[in-house]
């Protein structure tokens, strides 16, 4: 009995120490939650959670106990996430379109439980963050089929917000109609121009007329209002559910992977990049060049000379100066280092105008 009592007393003392450490850990998680809210970062980071478990399990020497410790870690992570979500639940996320738009769906994936604020278009969503009405905006920047979203890219150049997170969302387009609608009754399909472009092969094959809408959800709303079996929308399963429409046909996008990249825009720049995941770090720059021979080549050469790989390079016309352009570069590597800051200084000397839009993993 003495051994039983001694071990119970020992557990009681360990529990006291664990309670103090648990409180300390949760306070740190709370501060991280506040930081994520201010910088437009998702509460969950699956890659980091997996890395934490993989690293911390090595602290346990007893093989029989290690599996129990992994379960303990997973439960602790869930509790930390629950605490952080208390702060995320109050965050206001702007998106273009109405409830059910793909940007709305992406926002729900990145910020579960947040307040989602619909705006008429991408520009209004962006401005709502600039003026402080919303905390972040979730906007599409590129589709694997239809290419970049020009309006959003122009906002990157002219606006004041930063990108701290990018989310790749697979797009599965459905043909949506009211009850009684079928592929044989449809004459016209309505959707956002990007969705129409992504489904152009199917639309052409079926001989449908097309009509543009501000978003896929706006198209679905119009189809519901018209209640006409000759008119259909292109949207998602979530859109069909929200507006009470029936799925007439599935996966009508072009063959192959169809993915849209959504970026989170916020007023504060995130300068922290996990040092254990430097190989995953990326950044976005926009800039103009001086009007002289070799100016662009010098800018690109400078980026390369500092060891950063350019995974994307695009040009866009400047609205203020006809036949002049600004450039968009996505690079790989942590730019928040001395090497990165040296590169930015050299680029600022070479270029006419340069802006670090954001960094993310």
Protein backbone atom coordinates (compact mmCIF):
# COMPACT_ATOMS: atom_id res chain seq x y z
CA UNK A 1 0.00 0.00 0.00
CA UNK A 2 2.90 2.28 0.72
CA UNK A 3 4.10 1.90 -2.89
CA UNK A 4 0.60 2.69 -4.15
CA UNK A 5 0.36 5.81 -2.00
CA UNK A 6 3.86 6.90 -2.96
CA UNK A 7 3.09 6.61 -6.66
CA UNK A 8 -0.23 8.41 -6.26
CA UNK A 9 1.54 11.21 -4.42
CA UNK A 10 4.13 11.27 -7.20
CA UNK A 11 1.41 11.53 -9.86
CA UNK A 12 -0.26 14.31 -7.89
CA UNK A 13 2.96 16.33 -7.90
CA UNK A 14 3.55 15.64 -11.60
CA UNK A 15 -0.04 16.73 -12.35
CA UNK A 16 0.60 19.96 -10.46
CA UNK A 17 3.67 20.65 -12.59
CA UNK A 18 1.86 19.64 -15.78
CA UNK A 19 -1.05 21.95 -14.95
CA UNK A 20 1.34 24.89 -14.63
CA UNK A 21 3.08 23.98 -17.90
CA UNK A 22 -0.27 23.42 -19.64
CA UNK A 23 -1.44 26.89 -18.60
CA UNK A 24 1.84 28.36 -19.84
CA UNK A 25 1.50 26.52 -23.16
CA UNK A 26 -2.09 27.64 -23.66
CA UNK A 27 -1.14 31.26 -22.95
CA UNK A 28 1.50 30.98 -25.68
CA UNK A 29 -1.14 29.44 -27.99
CA UNK A 30 -3.45 32.35 -27.17
CA UNK A 31 -0.77 34.85 -28.23
CA UNK A 32 -0.26 32.89 -31.44
CA UNK A 33 -4.01 33.03 -32.05
CA UNK A 34 -4.00 36.80 -31.66
CA UNK A 35 -1.02 37.07 -34.03
CA UNK A 36 -2.74 34.90 -36.63
CA UNK A 37 -5.88 37.03 -36.46
CA UNK A 38 -3.90 40.24 -36.98
CA UNK A 39 -1.89 38.79 -39.87
CA UNK A 40 -4.63 36.93 -41.70
CA UNK A 41 -3.29 33.43 -41.04
CA UNK A 42 -5.36 30.28 -40.66
CA UNK A 43 -5.58 28.72 -37.23
CA UNK A 44 -4.70 25.26 -38.51
CA UNK A 45 -1.31 24.48 -40.01
CA UNK A 46 -1.34 20.76 -40.75
CA UNK A 47 2.28 20.66 -41.91
CA UNK A 48 3.52 22.30 -38.73
CA UNK A 49 1.33 20.06 -36.54
CA UNK A 50 2.78 16.96 -38.21
CA UNK A 51 6.30 18.34 -37.83
CA UNK A 52 5.72 19.06 -34.13
CA UNK A 53 4.49 15.51 -33.45
CA UNK A 54 7.32 13.95 -35.44
CA UNK A 55 9.92 16.03 -33.59
CA UNK A 56 8.50 15.83 -30.06
CA UNK A 57 7.85 12.09 -30.01
CA UNK A 58 11.63 11.60 -29.95
CA UNK A 59 11.67 13.04 -26.41
CA UNK A 60 10.15 9.76 -25.21
CA UNK A 61 12.72 6.99 -24.70
CA UNK A 62 10.29 4.20 -23.74
CA UNK A 63 8.92 2.60 -26.92
CA UNK A 64 5.83 1.34 -25.07
CA UNK A 65 4.94 4.85 -23.92
CA UNK A 66 5.73 6.74 -27.14
CA UNK A 67 2.42 5.92 -28.87
CA UNK A 68 0.49 7.21 -25.84
CA UNK A 69 2.52 10.41 -25.90
CA UNK A 70 1.64 10.92 -29.58
CA UNK A 71 -2.05 10.67 -28.65
CA UNK A 72 -1.44 13.14 -25.83
CA UNK A 73 0.23 15.58 -28.27
CA UNK A 74 -2.64 15.32 -30.77
CA UNK A 75 -5.18 16.08 -28.03
CA UNK A 76 -3.07 19.01 -26.81
CA UNK A 77 -2.90 20.43 -30.35
CA UNK A 78 -6.68 20.17 -30.68
CA UNK A 79 -7.11 22.10 -27.43
CA UNK A 80 -4.68 24.79 -28.62
CA UNK A 81 -6.58 25.06 -31.90
CA UNK A 82 -9.89 25.37 -30.01
CA UNK A 83 -8.48 28.24 -27.94
CA UNK A 84 -7.11 30.01 -31.03
CA UNK A 85 -10.44 29.62 -32.84
CA UNK A 86 -12.06 31.73 -30.12
CA UNK A 87 -10.16 34.67 -31.60
CA UNK A 88 -10.63 33.59 -35.22
CA UNK A 89 -14.40 33.40 -34.69
CA UNK A 90 -14.52 37.16 -34.39
CA UNK A 91 -12.45 37.84 -37.50
CA UNK A 92 -14.21 39.43 -40.48
CA UNK A 93 -13.30 37.91 -43.84
CA UNK A 94 -14.32 39.77 -47.01
CA UNK A 95 -14.80 38.05 -50.36
CA UNK A 96 -16.20 38.97 -53.76
CA UNK A 97 -19.63 37.67 -54.65
CA UNK A 98 -22.44 36.31 -52.55
CA UNK A 99 -22.63 33.34 -50.20
CA UNK A 100 -21.71 30.21 -52.12
CA UNK A 101 -19.04 31.76 -54.35
CA UNK A 102 -15.79 29.83 -54.61
CA UNK A 103 -14.04 32.58 -52.62
CA UNK A 104 -16.63 32.06 -49.88
CA UNK A 105 -15.91 28.33 -49.89
CA UNK A 106 -12.15 28.98 -49.75
CA UNK A 107 -12.64 31.40 -46.84
CA UNK A 108 -14.58 28.73 -44.94
CA UNK A 109 -11.75 26.25 -45.48
CA UNK A 110 -9.10 28.68 -44.24
CA UNK A 111 -11.06 30.39 -41.46
CA UNK A 112 -13.70 28.03 -40.03
CA UNK A 113 -16.20 29.85 -37.83
CA UNK A 114 -15.21 33.36 -38.96
CA UNK A 115 -17.63 36.10 -40.03
CA UNK A 116 -17.82 36.06 -43.85
CA UNK A 117 -18.63 39.44 -45.41
CA UNK A 118 -19.88 39.41 -49.01
CA UNK A 119 -18.82 42.26 -51.29
CA UNK A 120 -19.97 43.02 -54.84
CA UNK A 121 -16.57 42.30 -56.38
CA UNK A 122 -12.85 41.76 -55.70
CA UNK A 123 -12.07 45.47 -55.54
CA UNK A 124 -14.72 46.20 -52.93
CA UNK A 125 -13.54 43.25 -50.83
CA UNK A 126 -9.97 44.53 -51.01
CA UNK A 127 -10.97 48.08 -50.09
CA UNK A 128 -13.02 46.87 -47.12
CA UNK A 129 -9.79 45.62 -45.55
CA UNK A 130 -7.87 48.77 -46.43
CA UNK A 131 -10.46 50.97 -44.71
CA UNK A 132 -10.64 48.73 -41.63
CA UNK A 133 -14.16 47.40 -42.13
CA UNK A 134 -12.86 43.82 -42.46
CA UNK A 135 -9.75 42.09 -41.14
CA UNK A 136 -8.82 40.10 -44.25
CA UNK A 137 -9.93 39.48 -47.82
CA UNK A 138 -9.86 36.10 -49.57
CA UNK A 139 -9.38 36.69 -53.30
CA UNK A 140 -8.46 34.44 -56.26
CA UNK A 141 -5.13 35.22 -57.87
CA UNK A 142 -4.80 32.48 -60.49
CA UNK A 143 -6.51 29.47 -62.03
CA UNK A 144 -4.60 26.58 -63.55
CA UNK A 145 -6.71 26.79 -66.74
CA UNK A 146 -7.86 30.41 -67.10
CA UNK A 147 -4.66 32.06 -65.82
CA UNK A 148 -4.23 35.05 -63.54
CA UNK A 149 -7.07 37.18 -62.21
CA UNK A 150 -6.04 40.55 -63.61
CA UNK A 151 -8.14 42.70 -61.28
CA UNK A 152 -6.58 41.14 -58.19
CA UNK A 153 -3.05 41.37 -59.59
CA UNK A 154 -3.59 45.08 -60.25
CA UNK A 155 -4.76 45.51 -56.66
CA UNK A 156 -1.50 43.93 -55.49
CA UNK A 157 0.41 46.64 -57.34
CA UNK A 158 -1.73 49.66 -56.51
CA UNK A 159 -3.05 48.68 -53.07
CA UNK A 160 -1.55 48.69 -49.59
CA UNK A 161 -2.36 45.16 -48.38
CA UNK A 162 -0.07 42.16 -47.92
CA UNK A 163 -0.42 38.48 -48.76
CA UNK A 164 0.39 36.21 -45.82
CA UNK A 165 -1.22 32.99 -46.98
CA UNK A 166 -2.03 31.20 -50.25
CA UNK A 167 -4.48 28.31 -50.51
CA UNK A 168 -4.82 25.98 -53.50
CA UNK A 169 -8.42 24.83 -53.91
CA UNK A 170 -9.38 22.16 -56.48
CA UNK A 171 -12.35 23.36 -58.55
CA UNK A 172 -15.08 20.92 -59.51
CA UNK A 173 -17.70 22.64 -61.65
CA UNK A 174 -21.30 21.43 -61.75
CA UNK A 175 -24.16 22.35 -64.08
CA UNK A 176 -26.96 23.57 -61.82
CA UNK A 177 -30.65 24.05 -62.58
CA UNK A 178 -34.08 24.28 -61.02
CA UNK A 179 -36.33 21.26 -60.50
CA UNK A 180 -37.39 19.75 -63.84
CA UNK A 181 -34.32 21.10 -65.61
CA UNK A 182 -32.17 18.77 -67.71
CA UNK A 183 -29.34 19.02 -70.22
CA UNK A 184 -31.98 18.77 -72.97
CA UNK A 185 -34.03 21.74 -71.74
CA UNK A 186 -31.10 24.11 -71.15
CA UNK A 187 -30.38 26.81 -73.71
CA UNK A 188 -28.34 29.32 -71.68
CA UNK A 189 -25.75 28.95 -68.92
CA UNK A 190 -24.80 31.77 -66.56
CA UNK A 191 -21.60 32.04 -64.54
CA UNK A 192 -18.49 34.06 -63.78
CA UNK A 193 -16.29 34.53 -66.90
CA UNK A 194 -13.54 32.41 -65.31
CA UNK A 195 -15.94 29.51 -64.75
CA UNK A 196 -17.30 29.84 -68.29
CA UNK A 197 -13.75 29.74 -69.64
CA UNK A 198 -12.91 26.67 -67.56
CA UNK A 199 -16.00 24.87 -68.92
CA UNK A 200 -15.83 26.22 -72.47
CA UNK A 201 -15.34 22.78 -74.03
CA UNK A 202 -18.47 21.35 -72.42
CA UNK A 203 -20.53 24.48 -73.10
CA UNK A 204 -19.51 24.48 -76.77
CA UNK A 205 -20.20 20.77 -77.13
CA UNK A 206 -23.71 21.19 -75.71
CA UNK A 207 -24.40 24.26 -77.85
CA UNK A 208 -25.37 26.47 -74.91
CA UNK A 209 -25.49 30.25 -75.05
CA UNK A 210 -23.50 31.97 -72.26
CA UNK A 211 -24.17 34.91 -69.97
CA UNK A 212 -21.63 36.46 -67.59
CA UNK A 213 -22.27 37.08 -63.90
CA UNK A 214 -20.21 38.72 -61.15
CA UNK A 215 -19.70 35.36 -59.44
CA UNK A 216 -20.81 31.74 -59.62
CA UNK A 217 -23.08 32.33 -56.62
CA UNK A 218 -24.69 35.37 -58.28
CA UNK A 219 -25.37 33.16 -61.31
CA UNK A 220 -26.97 30.50 -59.12
CA UNK A 221 -29.10 33.11 -57.39
CA UNK A 222 -30.36 34.40 -60.73
CA UNK A 223 -31.22 30.87 -61.92
CA UNK A 224 -33.16 30.27 -58.73
CA UNK A 225 -35.04 33.57 -59.15
CA UNK A 226 -35.86 32.95 -62.83
CA UNK A 227 -37.10 29.42 -62.09
CA UNK A 228 -36.71 28.62 -65.79
CA UNK A 229 -35.72 25.14 -67.00
CA UNK A 230 -34.00 26.66 -70.05
CA UNK A 231 -31.45 28.53 -67.90
CA UNK A 232 -28.69 26.93 -65.81
CA UNK A 233 -25.70 28.05 -63.77
CA UNK A 234 -22.17 26.75 -63.35
CA UNK A 235 -21.12 26.36 -59.73
CA UNK A 236 -20.16 23.97 -56.94
CA UNK A 237 -21.96 21.41 -54.81
CA UNK A 238 -22.01 23.97 -51.99
CA UNK A 239 -23.59 26.53 -54.33
CA UNK A 240 -26.30 24.05 -55.34
CA UNK A 241 -27.08 23.32 -51.69
CA UNK A 242 -27.21 26.99 -50.69
CA UNK A 243 -29.63 27.97 -53.46
CA UNK A 244 -31.69 24.82 -53.60
CA UNK A 245 -30.62 23.90 -57.14
CA UNK A 246 -30.18 20.44 -58.62
CA UNK A 247 -26.92 19.12 -60.05
CA UNK A 248 -27.62 18.35 -63.71
CA UNK A 249 -24.08 17.30 -64.62
CA UNK A 250 -20.79 16.98 -62.70
CA UNK A 251 -17.14 17.75 -63.47
CA UNK A 252 -17.86 19.77 -66.58
CA UNK A 253 -14.55 21.66 -66.43
CA UNK A 254 -11.82 20.88 -68.93
CA UNK A 255 -10.05 17.53 -68.44
CA UNK A 256 -7.14 17.58 -66.01
CA UNK A 257 -6.52 19.24 -62.68
CA UNK A 258 -8.42 22.50 -62.22
CA UNK A 259 -7.16 24.48 -59.25
CA UNK A 260 -7.65 28.07 -58.16
CA UNK A 261 -5.13 29.78 -55.91
CA UNK A 262 -6.67 32.04 -53.30
CA UNK A 263 -4.64 34.60 -51.36
CA UNK A 264 -5.42 36.14 -47.98
CA UNK A 265 -4.86 39.90 -47.94
CA UNK A 266 -4.38 41.77 -44.65
CA UNK A 267 -3.10 45.14 -43.47
CA UNK A 268 -0.11 43.68 -41.59
CA UNK A 269 2.85 41.95 -43.20
CA UNK A 270 3.85 38.58 -41.76
CA UNK A 271 7.64 38.50 -41.49
CA UNK A 272 8.02 35.20 -39.67
CA UNK A 273 8.82 32.10 -41.71
CA UNK A 274 9.32 28.77 -39.95
CA UNK A 275 13.04 28.03 -40.20
CA UNK A 276 12.34 24.28 -40.38
CA UNK A 277 10.37 24.83 -43.59
CA UNK A 278 12.61 27.22 -45.47
CA UNK A 279 12.35 25.03 -48.55
CA UNK A 280 8.62 25.81 -48.63
CA UNK A 281 8.94 29.58 -48.15
CA UNK A 282 7.78 31.79 -51.02
CA UNK A 283 7.36 35.51 -51.69
CA UNK A 284 5.67 37.83 -54.18
CA UNK A 285 7.19 41.00 -55.64
CA UNK A 286 5.71 43.56 -58.02
CA UNK A 287 7.86 46.21 -59.66
CA UNK A 288 8.41 48.52 -62.61
CA UNK A 289 11.70 48.98 -64.42
CA UNK A 290 13.57 52.03 -65.56
CA UNK A 291 13.12 52.95 -69.22
CA UNK A 292 16.52 51.77 -70.38
CA UNK A 293 18.00 48.80 -72.23
CA UNK A 294 18.53 45.68 -70.11
CA UNK A 295 16.59 47.04 -67.11
CA UNK A 296 14.35 43.99 -66.71
CA UNK A 297 17.24 41.58 -67.26
CA UNK A 298 19.21 43.31 -64.49
CA UNK A 299 16.30 43.01 -62.06
CA UNK A 300 15.82 39.31 -62.77
CA UNK A 301 19.55 38.63 -62.65
CA UNK A 302 19.74 40.24 -59.21
CA UNK A 303 17.01 37.96 -57.87
CA UNK A 304 18.83 34.92 -59.22
CA UNK A 305 22.24 36.03 -57.97
CA UNK A 306 20.90 36.00 -54.41
CA UNK A 307 19.89 32.36 -54.78
CA UNK A 308 16.13 32.83 -55.18
CA UNK A 309 14.39 30.71 -57.80
CA UNK A 310 11.66 32.49 -59.78
CA UNK A 311 8.71 30.14 -60.18
CA UNK A 312 6.44 32.69 -61.88
CA UNK A 313 6.96 35.86 -63.94
CA UNK A 314 4.15 37.90 -65.47
CA UNK A 315 3.70 41.38 -66.92
CA UNK A 316 0.63 43.59 -66.61
CA UNK A 317 -0.15 46.94 -68.29
CA UNK A 318 -0.01 50.05 -66.15
CA UNK A 319 -3.41 51.72 -66.22
CA UNK A 320 -1.86 55.16 -65.69
CA UNK A 321 0.70 54.93 -68.53
CA UNK A 322 -0.33 53.37 -71.88
CA UNK A 323 2.16 50.83 -73.27
CA UNK A 324 4.02 50.66 -69.97
CA UNK A 325 4.05 47.59 -67.74
CA UNK A 326 4.69 46.37 -64.24
CA UNK A 327 6.02 42.90 -63.44
CA UNK A 328 4.89 40.22 -61.03
CA UNK A 329 7.39 37.70 -59.63
CA UNK A 330 6.87 34.74 -57.33
CA UNK A 331 10.12 33.52 -55.78
CA UNK A 332 11.12 30.57 -53.64
CA UNK A 333 12.99 31.07 -50.38
CA UNK A 334 12.80 33.10 -47.18
CA UNK A 335 13.08 36.75 -48.10
CA UNK A 336 13.08 37.92 -44.46
CA UNK A 337 16.80 37.40 -44.07
CA UNK A 338 19.83 39.64 -44.48
CA UNK A 339 20.32 38.14 -47.94
CA UNK A 340 16.72 38.96 -48.80
CA UNK A 341 16.94 42.50 -47.51
CA UNK A 342 20.20 43.04 -49.45
CA UNK A 343 18.43 41.85 -52.59
CA UNK A 344 15.51 44.21 -51.97
CA UNK A 345 17.93 47.12 -51.57
CA UNK A 346 19.70 46.29 -54.85
CA UNK A 347 16.34 45.96 -56.64
CA UNK A 348 15.19 49.33 -55.28
CA UNK A 349 18.26 50.93 -56.85
CA UNK A 350 17.78 49.17 -60.19
CA UNK A 351 13.99 49.48 -60.46
CA UNK A 352 11.70 52.46 -60.70
CA UNK A 353 9.20 51.06 -58.21
CA UNK A 354 9.21 47.86 -56.15
CA UNK A 355 6.89 46.34 -53.55
CA UNK A 356 7.12 43.18 -51.48
CA UNK A 357 3.49 42.04 -51.61
CA UNK A 358 3.95 39.19 -49.17
CA UNK A 359 5.61 36.01 -48.00
CA UNK A 360 4.10 32.68 -47.05
CA UNK A 361 4.74 28.94 -46.68
